[in-house]
Protein backbone atom coordinates (compact mmCIF):
# COMPACT_ATOMS: atom_id res chain seq x y z
CA UNK A 1 0.00 0.00 0.00
CA UNK A 2 2.97 2.31 0.58
CA UNK A 3 3.82 2.34 -3.12
CA UNK A 4 0.21 3.21 -3.95
CA UNK A 5 0.26 6.11 -1.49
CA UNK A 6 3.51 7.40 -2.98
CA UNK A 7 2.07 7.29 -6.48
CA UNK A 8 -1.14 9.04 -5.43
CA UNK A 9 0.82 11.69 -3.53
CA UNK A 10 2.99 12.29 -6.59
CA UNK A 11 -0.18 12.80 -8.63
CA UNK A 12 -1.61 15.26 -6.10
CA UNK A 13 1.66 17.21 -6.02
CA UNK A 14 1.66 17.42 -9.82
CA UNK A 15 -1.58 19.42 -9.74
CA UNK A 16 -1.30 23.20 -9.54
CA UNK A 17 -3.25 24.96 -6.78
CA UNK A 18 -6.31 25.62 -8.95
CA UNK A 19 -6.42 22.04 -10.20
CA UNK A 20 -6.02 20.78 -6.64
CA UNK A 21 -8.96 22.91 -5.45
CA UNK A 22 -11.10 21.42 -8.23
CA UNK A 23 -9.84 17.94 -7.34
CA UNK A 24 -10.96 18.51 -3.74
CA UNK A 25 -14.41 19.65 -4.91
CA UNK A 26 -14.80 16.46 -6.94
CA UNK A 27 -13.56 14.45 -3.94
CA UNK A 28 -16.12 16.14 -1.68
CA UNK A 29 -18.82 15.22 -4.20
CA UNK A 30 -17.61 11.61 -4.17
CA UNK A 31 -17.83 11.52 -0.37
CA UNK A 32 -21.38 12.88 -0.55
CA UNK A 33 -22.37 10.45 -3.32
CA UNK A 34 -21.02 7.52 -1.30
CA UNK A 35 -22.80 8.80 1.84
CA UNK A 36 -19.47 9.09 3.63
CA UNK A 37 -18.95 11.51 6.49
CA UNK A 38 -16.86 14.39 5.22
CA UNK A 39 -13.93 15.13 7.53
CA UNK A 40 -13.41 18.83 8.29
CA UNK A 41 -9.81 18.42 7.17
CA UNK A 42 -11.04 17.63 3.66
CA UNK A 43 -13.06 20.83 3.55
CA UNK A 44 -10.47 23.21 4.94
CA UNK A 45 -6.99 21.77 4.44
CA UNK A 46 -4.75 22.18 1.42
CA UNK A 47 -2.23 19.72 2.81
CA UNK A 48 -2.02 17.15 0.03
CA UNK A 49 -0.53 14.49 2.29
CA UNK A 50 -3.35 14.90 4.81
CA UNK A 51 -5.97 14.79 2.04
CA UNK A 52 -4.39 11.60 0.71
CA UNK A 53 -4.45 10.07 4.19
CA UNK A 54 -8.19 10.79 4.42
CA UNK A 55 -8.73 9.21 0.99
CA UNK A 56 -6.79 6.08 1.90
CA UNK A 57 -8.51 5.76 5.29
CA UNK A 58 -11.90 6.08 3.61
CA UNK A 59 -11.45 4.21 0.34
CA UNK A 60 -8.44 1.95 0.98
CA UNK A 61 -7.18 0.44 -2.28
CA UNK A 62 -10.19 1.98 -4.01
CA UNK A 63 -8.38 5.33 -3.60
CA UNK A 64 -6.65 4.61 -6.90
CA UNK A 65 -9.96 4.14 -8.72
CA UNK A 66 -11.47 7.18 -7.01
CA UNK A 67 -8.45 9.29 -8.00
CA UNK A 68 -8.68 8.04 -11.59
CA UNK A 69 -12.37 8.98 -11.82
CA UNK A 70 -11.76 12.42 -10.31
CA UNK A 71 -8.85 13.07 -12.69
CA UNK A 72 -11.05 12.11 -15.66
CA UNK A 73 -13.65 14.66 -14.51
CA UNK A 74 -10.95 17.26 -13.91
CA UNK A 75 -9.43 16.77 -17.37
CA UNK A 76 -12.87 17.02 -18.95
CA UNK A 77 -13.60 20.24 -17.04
CA UNK A 78 -10.22 21.75 -17.95
CA UNK A 79 -10.82 20.89 -21.62
CA UNK A 80 -14.21 22.63 -21.51
CA UNK A 81 -12.63 25.67 -19.87
CA UNK A 82 -9.86 25.83 -22.48
CA UNK A 83 -12.46 25.67 -25.26
CA UNK A 84 -14.44 28.48 -23.65
CA UNK A 85 -17.51 26.38 -22.84
CA UNK A 86 -17.19 26.89 -19.10
CA UNK A 87 -16.46 30.14 -17.30
CA UNK A 88 -14.76 29.73 -13.95
CA UNK A 89 -15.38 32.23 -11.19
CA UNK A 90 -13.37 32.27 -8.01
């Protein structure tokens, strides 16, 4: 499991701050969809290691699949933004 955590952490660190914020929003949605209790840390922390720990504690080995699905959504959203179909407001 340590190798999986290292890989996932590397992925999270490869995201810029804006992408990471969007990743967290998708992760929050996944928690809600799965009827999981959302830890406060997930809502308010930008510590990627801590976020990963929450993911692994919640999803275990499924963290890889959850990350893959979130990244697919993130890539799709970023493509729409780059094409001008979505306007992002902060």
